[in-house]
Amino acid sequence: MSASILIVDDEESILTSLSSILRDEGYEVAVAKNGVDALRAYTMDPPDLMLLDIWMPEMDGMETLRRVRELVPTAQVMMMSGHGSIETAVKAIKLGAYDYIEKPLSLENVTLRVKHALDQYRLEQENRTLRTTVQRKFELVGQSPVMEQLRQLIETAGPTNSRVLIGGENGTGKELVARAIHLQSARAGRPFVAVNCAAIPETLIESELFGHEKGSFTGATSMKRGQFEQADSGTLFLDEIADMSLNTQAKVLRALQEQQFTRVGGTKLLKVDVRVLAASNKDLLKEIEKGTFREDLFYRLNVVPIVVPPLRERREDIPSLIRHFMKVHAEEQGLRSKEVASEAMAVFQQYDWPGNIRELRNLIERLMIMVPGPVIEAAQAGLSLQARPVGPASHSVTPAVNPLFTQSYDSLRDARNAFEKEYIARKLRDHHWNISRTAEDLKIERSHLHRKIKLLEVEMRPEI
């Protein structure tokens, strides 16, 4: 689709010549003879670029620019004037104009400046889209009580410059929490640099964190800036920090204390302003007892402790998470999103998710690809959860698999009834066997729940 341009000028000759040359260049062109008509046209169909004369009757170009920018803060506007001055140009730029052209117009110059303005506009649009996509990808999803508490902690810790130590099981989203803290801080517009300490060999981690000088070791063919330097004025996130050796821990502690360091093989002290956030899936106090983690580094990092809850403690967030991952994956892969049958959703909510959010995200991606139809059914959900890796690593997760998933059923109806029976029983236990509250949670009538309990032979407490 060709770019659209709105030309606003009270001189008919300008409108005619400009619109003709720009149409020849392949642009869609509309014209307006004054600021009032321009605002009306802009409201109905915002163009990609507006060429706006400054001196016009009724409403001049400066006022038109101001109002257009109020309507659309990202509007791309190029001012034109035959009575211009440096002061006028500066004022126009301050009001948000992209460029300023003096009359009489050189058509060759105009086409070149228009091309640059539209290139800039497209680049800004792409950046906004990319930012939105990235923010959605790293969004904290869920409205459960534990998630609300987590958000409150993030909102409290974010604006400060304090270090934060984030705990939680593998796959719970510790990096998402770190990014959310960064976005809440005054450093939000500066770099966020994430380092997975467990993924870097011990021989390279010091170079990765602090950089190295050319020739400092075999293979160091050029100078390299480390992650501390790259995060200067921003945030450095050290994930799985317990996997660092004691030697590296000592160097990180020194860098935190002094906010300065030297590159590997270098002698020059480099000063940085970095906020450090750290995370670990291990109990660091136990690691200190074992002698594998420095106590002084722990207290240096543990200014604000935050623990990310496992998914099994926020089951009510699972439907929202599933919809979120489906939308993200559909956009990334160009796929159509799917529906999840209520019985399948019940299967997902009963499962304990030993791999937490990461496991759920990967499962949804797999189901989006493997399920041929538009709806994910309970049987498909159950089978997907049974398809876990075999071998030594699988023993640690076997107890988390609901026994329902390992049973065989004669029909989908039998499987659905079994899942529904288990789901209703769990909801009843959650609400201490209160029928009214359980029915409200399940979003069904109380009488309907009574019928389900009887039909499915849900075992109630003896006193009930």
Protein backbone atom coordinates (compact mmCIF):
# COMPACT_ATOMS: atom_id res chain seq x y z
CA MET A 1 0.00 0.00 0.00
CA SER A 2 1.35 3.42 -0.95
CA ALA A 3 1.89 6.12 1.68
CA SER A 4 -0.78 8.81 2.10
CA ILE A 5 -0.02 12.54 2.15
CA LEU A 6 -2.25 15.50 3.05
CA ILE A 7 -1.21 18.86 1.55
CA VAL A 8 -2.56 21.93 3.33
CA ASP A 9 -2.11 25.32 1.65
CA ASP A 10 -4.32 28.27 0.69
CA GLU A 11 -2.57 28.72 -2.66
CA GLU A 12 -4.24 26.74 -5.44
CA SER A 13 -1.03 26.66 -7.51
CA ILE A 14 0.89 25.02 -4.65
CA LEU A 15 -1.82 22.39 -4.14
CA THR A 16 -1.92 21.59 -7.85
CA SER A 17 1.83 21.35 -8.45
CA LEU A 18 2.65 19.46 -5.25
CA SER A 19 -0.19 16.97 -5.54
CA SER A 20 0.72 16.29 -9.18
CA ILE A 21 4.39 15.59 -8.51
CA LEU A 22 3.69 13.48 -5.41
CA ARG A 23 1.06 11.39 -7.22
CA ASP A 24 3.63 10.79 -9.96
CA GLU A 25 5.92 9.46 -7.21
CA GLY A 26 3.24 6.89 -6.30
CA TYR A 27 1.76 8.51 -3.18
CA GLU A 28 -1.92 8.82 -2.34
CA VAL A 29 -2.58 12.56 -2.06
CA ALA A 30 -5.41 14.60 -0.50
CA VAL A 31 -5.58 18.39 -0.24
CA ALA A 32 -7.07 21.00 2.11
CA LYS A 33 -7.18 24.79 1.68
CA ASN A 34 -7.10 25.80 5.36
CA GLY A 35 -6.47 24.53 8.87
CA VAL A 36 -10.13 23.82 9.63
CA ASP A 37 -10.47 21.54 6.57
CA ALA A 38 -7.14 19.94 7.43
CA LEU A 39 -8.30 19.01 10.94
CA ARG A 40 -11.53 17.60 9.54
CA ALA A 41 -9.62 15.50 6.98
CA TYR A 42 -7.10 14.38 9.58
CA THR A 43 -9.86 13.23 11.95
CA MET A 44 -11.64 11.23 9.22
CA ASP A 45 -8.56 9.56 7.69
CA PRO A 46 -5.15 10.33 9.27
CA PRO A 47 -2.42 10.45 6.58
CA ASP A 48 1.12 9.16 6.96
CA LEU A 49 2.48 12.66 6.36
CA MET A 50 1.07 16.19 6.27
CA LEU A 51 2.66 19.08 4.35
CA LEU A 52 1.38 22.18 6.14
CA ASP A 53 1.70 25.82 5.15
CA ILE A 54 2.27 28.23 8.05
CA TRP A 55 0.56 31.39 6.77
CA MET A 56 -3.14 30.68 6.13
CA PRO A 57 -6.42 32.52 6.89
CA GLU A 58 -8.85 31.42 9.66
CA MET A 59 -6.38 29.06 11.36
CA ASP A 60 -2.66 29.34 10.70
CA GLY A 61 -0.28 26.43 10.35
CA MET A 62 1.14 26.68 13.87
CA GLU A 63 -2.29 26.38 15.47
CA THR A 64 -3.20 23.57 13.06
CA LEU A 65 0.03 21.75 13.97
CA ARG A 66 -0.70 22.13 17.68
CA ARG A 67 -4.23 20.72 17.31
CA VAL A 68 -3.13 17.87 15.05
CA ARG A 69 -0.48 16.84 17.57
CA GLU A 70 -3.13 16.90 20.30
CA LEU A 71 -5.28 14.57 18.20
CA VAL A 72 -2.40 12.26 17.20
CA PRO A 73 0.82 12.77 19.21
CA THR A 74 2.76 10.69 16.68
CA ALA A 75 1.59 12.72 13.65
CA GLN A 76 4.32 13.34 11.06
CA VAL A 77 4.11 16.96 9.87
CA MET A 78 6.36 18.95 7.53
CA MET A 79 5.93 22.75 7.65
CA MET A 80 6.15 25.05 4.57
CA SER A 81 6.55 28.83 4.51
CA GLY A 82 7.53 31.62 2.16
CA HIS A 83 8.01 34.09 5.02
CA GLY A 84 10.08 31.94 7.28
CA SER A 85 12.74 32.71 9.82
CA ILE A 86 14.95 30.68 12.13
CA GLU A 87 12.64 31.57 15.04
CA THR A 88 9.61 30.26 13.12
CA ALA A 89 11.40 27.03 12.22
CA VAL A 90 12.52 26.47 15.81
CA LYS A 91 8.99 27.10 17.11
CA ALA A 92 7.56 24.62 14.59
CA ILE A 93 10.06 21.93 15.58
CA LYS A 94 9.32 22.50 19.27
CA LEU A 95 5.60 22.03 18.54
CA GLY A 96 6.43 18.63 17.04
CA ALA A 97 7.02 19.26 13.34
CA TYR A 98 9.40 16.78 11.70
CA ASP A 99 10.84 19.21 9.15
CA TYR A 100 10.60 22.77 7.77
CA ILE A 101 10.79 23.75 4.07
CA GLU A 102 11.10 27.29 2.73
CA LYS A 103 9.20 28.53 -0.32
CA PRO A 104 9.59 28.80 -3.25
CA LEU A 105 9.60 25.03 -3.27
CA SER A 106 12.12 22.99 -5.20
CA LEU A 107 10.11 19.94 -6.29
CA GLU A 108 13.23 17.76 -6.31
CA ASN A 109 14.03 18.87 -2.75
CA VAL A 110 10.42 18.30 -1.65
CA THR A 111 10.28 14.72 -2.99
CA LEU A 112 13.58 13.90 -1.27
CA ARG A 113 12.46 15.41 2.07
CA VAL A 114 9.09 13.66 1.79
CA LYS A 115 10.83 10.31 1.25
CA HIS A 116 13.02 10.88 4.34
CA ALA A 117 9.99 11.91 6.43
CA LEU A 118 8.04 8.80 5.41
CA ASP A 119 11.04 6.54 6.02
CA GLN A 120 11.34 8.02 9.50
CA TYR A 121 7.59 7.59 10.07
CA ARG A 122 7.71 3.92 9.05
CA LEU A 123 10.73 3.34 11.29
CA GLU A 124 8.93 4.90 14.27
CA GLN A 125 5.83 2.80 13.54
CA GLU A 126 7.91 -0.37 13.40
CA ASN A 127 9.63 0.55 16.67
CA ARG A 128 6.29 1.15 18.38
CA THR A 129 4.97 -2.16 17.09
CA LEU A 130 8.14 -3.95 18.18
CA ARG A 131 7.98 -2.32 21.62
CA THR A 132 4.35 -3.37 22.01
CA THR A 133 5.19 -6.93 20.94
CA VAL A 134 8.13 -7.12 23.37
CA GLN A 135 6.07 -5.68 26.22
CA ARG A 136 3.30 -8.22 25.56
CA LYS A 137 5.85 -11.04 25.44
CA PHE A 138 7.23 -10.03 28.84
CA GLU A 139 3.87 -9.13 30.39
CA LEU A 140 3.01 -10.40 33.88
CA VAL A 141 -0.34 -12.14 33.37
CA GLY A 142 -2.84 -13.04 36.10
CA GLN A 143 -5.15 -11.49 38.68
CA SER A 144 -4.84 -14.05 41.48
CA PRO A 145 -4.18 -12.76 45.02
CA VAL A 146 -0.54 -13.91 44.92
CA MET A 147 -0.02 -12.08 41.62
CA GLU A 148 -1.56 -8.89 43.00
CA GLN A 149 0.83 -9.11 45.97
CA LEU A 150 3.72 -9.62 43.54
CA ARG A 151 2.71 -6.54 41.53
CA GLN A 152 2.53 -4.47 44.72
CA LEU A 153 6.08 -5.53 45.61
CA ILE A 154 7.27 -4.63 42.11
CA GLU A 155 5.58 -1.22 42.28
CA THR A 156 7.22 -0.61 45.66
CA ALA A 157 10.72 -1.77 44.71
CA GLY A 158 10.75 -0.54 41.11
CA PRO A 159 11.14 3.24 41.59
CA THR A 160 13.96 2.80 44.13
CA ASN A 161 17.58 2.12 43.23
CA SER A 162 17.80 -0.81 45.66
CA ARG A 163 19.09 -4.22 44.71
CA VAL A 164 16.46 -6.97 44.52
CA LEU A 165 16.96 -10.71 45.04
CA ILE A 166 14.28 -12.73 43.22
CA GLY A 167 13.61 -16.30 44.32
CA GLY A 168 11.35 -18.97 42.90
CA GLU A 169 11.28 -22.32 41.16
CA ASN A 170 12.52 -22.85 37.60
CA GLY A 171 10.11 -21.49 35.00
CA THR A 172 8.11 -19.20 37.31
CA GLY A 173 9.08 -16.04 35.44
CA LYS A 174 11.85 -14.49 37.52
CA GLU A 175 13.21 -12.60 34.51
CA LEU A 176 9.74 -11.18 33.82
CA VAL A 177 9.70 -9.82 37.37
CA ALA A 178 13.16 -8.31 36.87
CA ARG A 179 12.04 -6.62 33.63
CA ALA A 180 8.91 -5.31 35.35
CA ILE A 181 11.05 -3.80 38.12
CA HIS A 182 13.28 -2.18 35.49
CA LEU A 183 10.25 -0.70 33.67
CA GLN A 184 8.95 0.76 36.96
CA SER A 185 12.29 2.49 37.62
CA ALA A 186 13.82 5.78 36.47
CA ARG A 187 16.16 3.60 34.34
CA ALA A 188 13.30 2.30 32.17
CA GLY A 189 14.62 4.04 29.06
CA ARG A 190 18.13 2.70 29.59
CA PRO A 191 19.55 -0.80 28.88
CA PHE A 192 18.23 -3.96 30.55
CA VAL A 193 20.94 -6.61 30.28
CA ALA A 194 20.17 -10.19 31.33
CA VAL A 195 22.94 -12.73 32.06
CA ASN A 196 22.23 -16.42 32.68
CA CYS A 197 25.13 -17.33 34.96
CA ALA A 198 24.36 -21.05 34.67
CA ALA A 199 24.76 -21.00 30.88
CA ILE A 200 28.26 -19.46 30.80
CA PRO A 201 31.33 -21.69 31.36
CA GLU A 202 33.39 -20.77 34.43
CA THR A 203 36.39 -19.96 32.23
CA LEU A 204 34.42 -17.31 30.35
CA ILE A 205 32.07 -15.76 32.91
CA GLU A 206 34.54 -13.15 34.17
CA SER A 207 35.15 -11.98 30.60
CA GLU A 208 31.40 -12.00 29.95
CA LEU A 209 30.65 -9.84 32.99
CA PHE A 210 33.62 -7.45 32.96
CA GLY A 211 34.92 -7.64 29.39
CA HIS A 212 38.51 -8.20 28.29
CA GLU A 213 41.35 -6.42 26.53
CA LYS A 214 42.80 -7.57 23.23
CA GLY A 215 45.38 -10.32 23.73
CA SER A 216 44.48 -10.90 27.39
CA PHE A 217 44.06 -14.63 26.72
CA THR A 218 44.11 -17.08 23.83
CA GLY A 219 41.28 -16.18 21.47
CA ALA A 220 40.93 -12.58 22.70
CA THR A 221 41.53 -11.09 19.25
CA SER A 222 39.83 -7.79 20.08
CA MET A 223 38.68 -5.73 23.04
CA LYS A 224 35.26 -6.73 24.41
CA ARG A 225 32.91 -4.70 26.61
CA GLY A 226 31.38 -6.76 29.41
CA GLN A 227 27.79 -6.87 30.60
CA PHE A 228 28.46 -4.42 33.44
CA GLU A 229 29.61 -1.84 30.87
CA GLN A 230 26.71 -2.57 28.53
CA ALA A 231 24.26 -2.05 31.40
CA ASP A 232 25.79 1.30 32.44
CA SER A 233 23.02 3.70 33.59
CA GLY A 234 20.57 0.81 33.31
CA THR A 235 19.84 -2.54 34.95
CA LEU A 236 21.90 -5.75 35.05
CA PHE A 237 19.97 -8.95 35.78
CA LEU A 238 22.10 -11.85 37.06
CA ASP A 239 19.98 -14.98 36.70
CA GLU A 240 20.87 -18.21 38.54
CA ILE A 241 23.55 -16.37 40.48
CA ALA A 242 24.13 -19.37 42.76
CA ASP A 243 25.83 -21.11 39.82
CA MET A 244 28.77 -18.68 39.95
CA SER A 245 32.03 -19.91 41.43
CA LEU A 246 33.21 -18.38 44.72
CA ASN A 247 36.02 -16.63 42.83
CA THR A 248 33.57 -14.90 40.44
CA GLN A 249 31.26 -14.10 43.35
CA ALA A 250 34.11 -12.22 45.04
CA LYS A 251 34.71 -10.12 41.91
CA VAL A 252 31.00 -9.35 41.52
CA LEU A 253 30.85 -8.32 45.19
CA ARG A 254 33.78 -5.95 44.69
CA ALA A 255 32.14 -4.43 41.59
CA LEU A 256 28.89 -3.91 43.54
CA GLN A 257 30.67 -2.28 46.45
CA GLU A 258 32.86 0.05 44.41
CA GLN A 259 30.78 0.44 41.21
CA GLN A 260 34.02 0.05 39.30
CA PHE A 261 36.15 -2.78 37.87
CA THR A 262 38.86 -3.59 35.34
CA ARG A 263 38.50 -5.66 32.22
CA VAL A 264 40.28 -9.02 32.09
CA GLY A 265 43.87 -8.24 31.14
CA GLY A 266 43.38 -4.52 31.69
CA THR A 267 44.61 -2.01 34.26
CA LYS A 268 42.22 0.91 33.75
CA LEU A 269 39.45 1.26 36.35
CA LEU A 270 36.04 1.60 34.69
CA LYS A 271 33.28 3.32 36.65
CA VAL A 272 29.65 2.35 36.00
CA ASP A 273 26.23 3.22 37.36
CA VAL A 274 24.36 -0.09 37.33
CA ARG A 275 21.40 -1.36 39.30
CA VAL A 276 21.83 -5.09 39.89
CA LEU A 277 18.90 -7.49 40.19
CA ALA A 278 19.70 -11.14 40.91
CA ALA A 279 17.72 -14.36 40.89
CA SER A 280 18.12 -17.99 41.91
CA ASN A 281 15.99 -21.10 42.08
CA LYS A 282 18.12 -22.37 44.98
CA ASP A 283 17.81 -21.66 48.70
CA LEU A 284 20.80 -19.34 49.09
CA LEU A 285 20.86 -19.65 52.88
CA LYS A 286 21.40 -23.40 52.46
CA GLU A 287 24.05 -22.69 49.83
CA ILE A 288 25.80 -20.44 52.35
CA GLU A 289 25.73 -23.26 54.93
CA LYS A 290 27.25 -25.61 52.34
CA GLY A 291 29.98 -23.06 51.61
CA THR A 292 29.04 -22.61 47.93
CA PHE A 293 27.68 -19.05 48.20
CA ARG A 294 29.24 -16.02 49.87
CA GLU A 295 27.28 -14.68 52.82
CA ASP A 296 28.50 -11.10 52.23
CA LEU A 297 27.30 -11.21 48.60
CA PHE A 298 23.92 -12.57 49.73
CA TYR A 299 23.34 -9.64 52.09
CA ARG A 300 24.60 -7.19 49.46
CA LEU A 301 22.01 -8.50 46.98
CA ASN A 302 19.14 -9.27 49.35
CA VAL A 303 18.07 -5.67 50.01
CA VAL A 304 14.54 -6.29 48.71
CA PRO A 305 13.61 -10.02 48.57
CA ILE A 306 10.85 -11.11 46.19
CA VAL A 307 9.61 -14.69 45.77
CA VAL A 308 7.74 -15.57 42.55
CA PRO A 309 4.93 -18.07 43.28
CA PRO A 310 4.78 -21.41 41.41
CA LEU A 311 1.92 -21.92 38.98
CA ARG A 312 0.23 -24.51 41.21
CA GLU A 313 -0.38 -21.71 43.77
CA ARG A 314 -2.18 -19.56 41.20
CA ARG A 315 -4.30 -22.02 39.25
CA GLU A 316 -7.01 -19.39 38.68
CA ASP A 317 -4.54 -17.56 36.41
CA ILE A 318 -4.16 -20.52 34.04
CA PRO A 319 -7.03 -19.56 31.65
CA SER A 320 -5.61 -16.03 31.28
CA LEU A 321 -2.11 -17.38 30.73
CA ILE A 322 -3.32 -19.83 28.09
CA ARG A 323 -5.15 -17.08 26.17
CA HIS A 324 -2.07 -14.86 26.44
CA PHE A 325 0.34 -17.51 25.13
CA MET A 326 -2.04 -18.43 22.31
CA LYS A 327 -2.26 -14.80 21.20
CA VAL A 328 1.51 -14.29 21.35
CA HIS A 329 2.27 -17.53 19.51
CA ALA A 330 -0.43 -16.87 16.90
CA GLU A 331 1.07 -13.45 16.16
CA GLU A 332 4.65 -14.74 16.05
CA GLN A 333 3.90 -17.75 13.82
CA GLY A 334 1.04 -16.36 11.75
CA LEU A 335 -1.36 -19.01 13.08
CA ARG A 336 -5.02 -18.77 14.00
CA SER A 337 -5.70 -18.95 17.72
CA LYS A 338 -7.70 -21.86 19.12
CA GLU A 339 -10.46 -22.28 21.69
CA VAL A 340 -9.98 -24.43 24.79
CA ALA A 341 -12.94 -26.58 25.78
CA SER A 342 -14.08 -26.09 29.38
CA GLU A 343 -13.22 -29.71 30.18
CA ALA A 344 -9.72 -29.22 28.76
CA MET A 345 -9.32 -26.07 30.82
CA ALA A 346 -10.28 -28.11 33.89
CA VAL A 347 -7.52 -30.59 33.01
CA PHE A 348 -4.98 -27.79 32.81
CA GLN A 349 -6.11 -26.33 36.12
CA GLN A 350 -5.85 -29.69 37.92
CA TYR A 351 -2.31 -30.35 36.75
CA ASP A 352 0.53 -29.30 39.11
CA TRP A 353 2.86 -27.84 36.42
CA PRO A 354 6.30 -28.82 37.80
CA GLY A 355 7.85 -26.76 35.00
CA ASN A 356 5.63 -23.78 35.88
CA ILE A 357 4.99 -21.00 33.33
CA ARG A 358 7.70 -22.23 30.97
CA GLU A 359 6.07 -25.66 30.78
CA LEU A 360 2.64 -24.14 30.15
CA ARG A 361 3.96 -21.85 27.42
CA ASN A 362 5.75 -24.70 25.62
CA LEU A 363 2.69 -26.94 25.90
CA ILE A 364 0.40 -24.29 24.39
CA GLU A 365 2.85 -23.78 21.53
CA ARG A 366 2.86 -27.54 20.88
CA LEU A 367 -0.95 -27.79 20.98
CA MET A 368 -1.30 -24.79 18.63
CA ILE A 369 0.81 -26.69 16.10
CA MET A 370 -0.35 -30.27 16.67
CA VAL A 371 -4.12 -29.95 17.22
CA PRO A 372 -5.71 -29.89 13.74
CA GLY A 373 -9.09 -28.44 14.70
CA PRO A 374 -10.10 -25.05 16.13
CA VAL A 375 -10.80 -26.44 19.64
CA ILE A 376 -8.48 -28.17 22.11
CA GLU A 377 -10.46 -30.94 23.77
CA ALA A 378 -9.97 -32.59 27.18
CA ALA A 379 -8.55 -35.82 25.72
CA GLN A 380 -5.93 -33.85 23.74
CA ALA A 381 -5.02 -31.87 26.85
CA GLY A 382 -4.65 -35.04 28.93
CA LEU A 383 -2.55 -36.81 26.30
CA SER A 384 -0.28 -33.79 25.90
CA LEU A 385 0.44 -33.79 29.64
CA GLN A 386 1.22 -37.51 29.58
CA ALA A 387 3.79 -36.98 26.82
CA ARG A 388 6.62 -36.09 29.21
CA PRO A 389 10.32 -36.93 28.70
CA VAL A 390 11.44 -40.37 29.90
CA GLY A 391 14.66 -41.15 31.67
CA PRO A 392 16.28 -40.19 34.99
CA ALA A 393 15.05 -36.57 34.83
CA SER A 394 11.43 -37.67 34.63
CA HIS A 395 11.38 -39.20 38.13
CA SER A 396 11.32 -35.81 39.80
CA VAL A 397 8.11 -34.78 38.05
CA THR A 398 6.15 -38.03 38.06
CA PRO A 399 4.34 -37.35 41.39
CA ALA A 400 2.95 -34.11 39.99
CA VAL A 401 1.02 -35.88 37.22
CA ASN A 402 -2.66 -36.28 38.08
CA PRO A 403 -3.64 -39.99 38.13
CA LEU A 404 -6.51 -39.19 35.75
CA PHE A 405 -3.99 -38.61 32.95
CA THR A 406 -2.59 -42.14 33.18
CA GLN A 407 -5.94 -43.93 33.05
CA SER A 408 -7.50 -45.23 29.84
CA TYR A 409 -11.12 -44.48 28.97
CA ASP A 410 -13.54 -46.19 26.61
CA SER A 411 -14.77 -42.90 25.18
CA LEU A 412 -14.25 -39.14 25.26
CA ARG A 413 -17.46 -38.89 27.30
CA ASP A 414 -16.05 -41.17 30.01
CA ALA A 415 -12.83 -39.15 30.10
CA ARG A 416 -14.78 -35.88 30.29
CA ASN A 417 -16.94 -37.17 33.13
CA ALA A 418 -13.88 -38.31 35.08
CA PHE A 419 -12.18 -34.96 34.65
CA GLU A 420 -15.38 -33.09 35.56
CA LYS A 421 -15.92 -35.22 38.66
CA GLU A 422 -12.38 -34.58 39.88
CA TYR A 423 -12.63 -30.86 39.11
CA ILE A 424 -15.93 -30.41 40.99
CA ALA A 425 -14.59 -32.37 43.97
CA ARG A 426 -11.51 -30.16 44.14
CA LYS A 427 -13.59 -26.98 43.90
CA LEU A 428 -15.83 -28.24 46.69
CA ARG A 429 -12.80 -28.89 48.87
CA ASP A 430 -11.44 -25.43 48.05
CA HIS A 431 -14.70 -23.87 49.26
CA HIS A 432 -14.99 -26.14 52.31
CA TRP A 433 -17.92 -28.02 50.77
CA ASN A 434 -20.09 -24.89 50.48
CA ILE A 435 -22.44 -25.55 47.54
CA SER A 436 -23.38 -21.90 46.92
CA ARG A 437 -19.80 -20.63 46.80
CA THR A 438 -18.69 -23.58 44.67
CA ALA A 439 -21.53 -23.00 42.18
CA GLU A 440 -20.61 -19.32 41.99
CA ASP A 441 -16.96 -20.20 41.34
CA LEU A 442 -17.95 -22.68 38.63
CA LYS A 443 -20.34 -20.10 37.14
CA ILE A 444 -23.31 -22.51 37.18
CA GLU A 445 -26.64 -22.56 38.99
CA ARG A 446 -26.77 -24.16 42.45
CA SER A 447 -29.40 -26.66 41.25
CA HIS A 448 -27.20 -27.56 38.28
CA LEU A 449 -24.30 -28.29 40.64
CA HIS A 450 -26.53 -30.54 42.77
CA ARG A 451 -27.47 -32.50 39.65
CA LYS A 452 -23.83 -32.83 38.62
CA ILE A 453 -22.83 -34.08 42.08
CA LYS A 454 -25.55 -36.71 41.94
CA LEU A 455 -24.99 -37.71 38.30
CA LEU A 456 -21.19 -37.99 38.64
CA GLU A 457 -21.41 -39.52 42.12
CA VAL A 458 -19.07 -36.92 43.61
CA GLU A 459 -18.19 -38.07 47.11
CA MET A 460 -19.14 -35.40 49.69
CA ARG A 461 -17.96 -35.02 53.27
CA PRO A 462 -19.77 -37.52 55.59
CA GLU A 463 -21.48 -34.74 57.56
CA ILE A 464 -22.90 -33.32 54.35
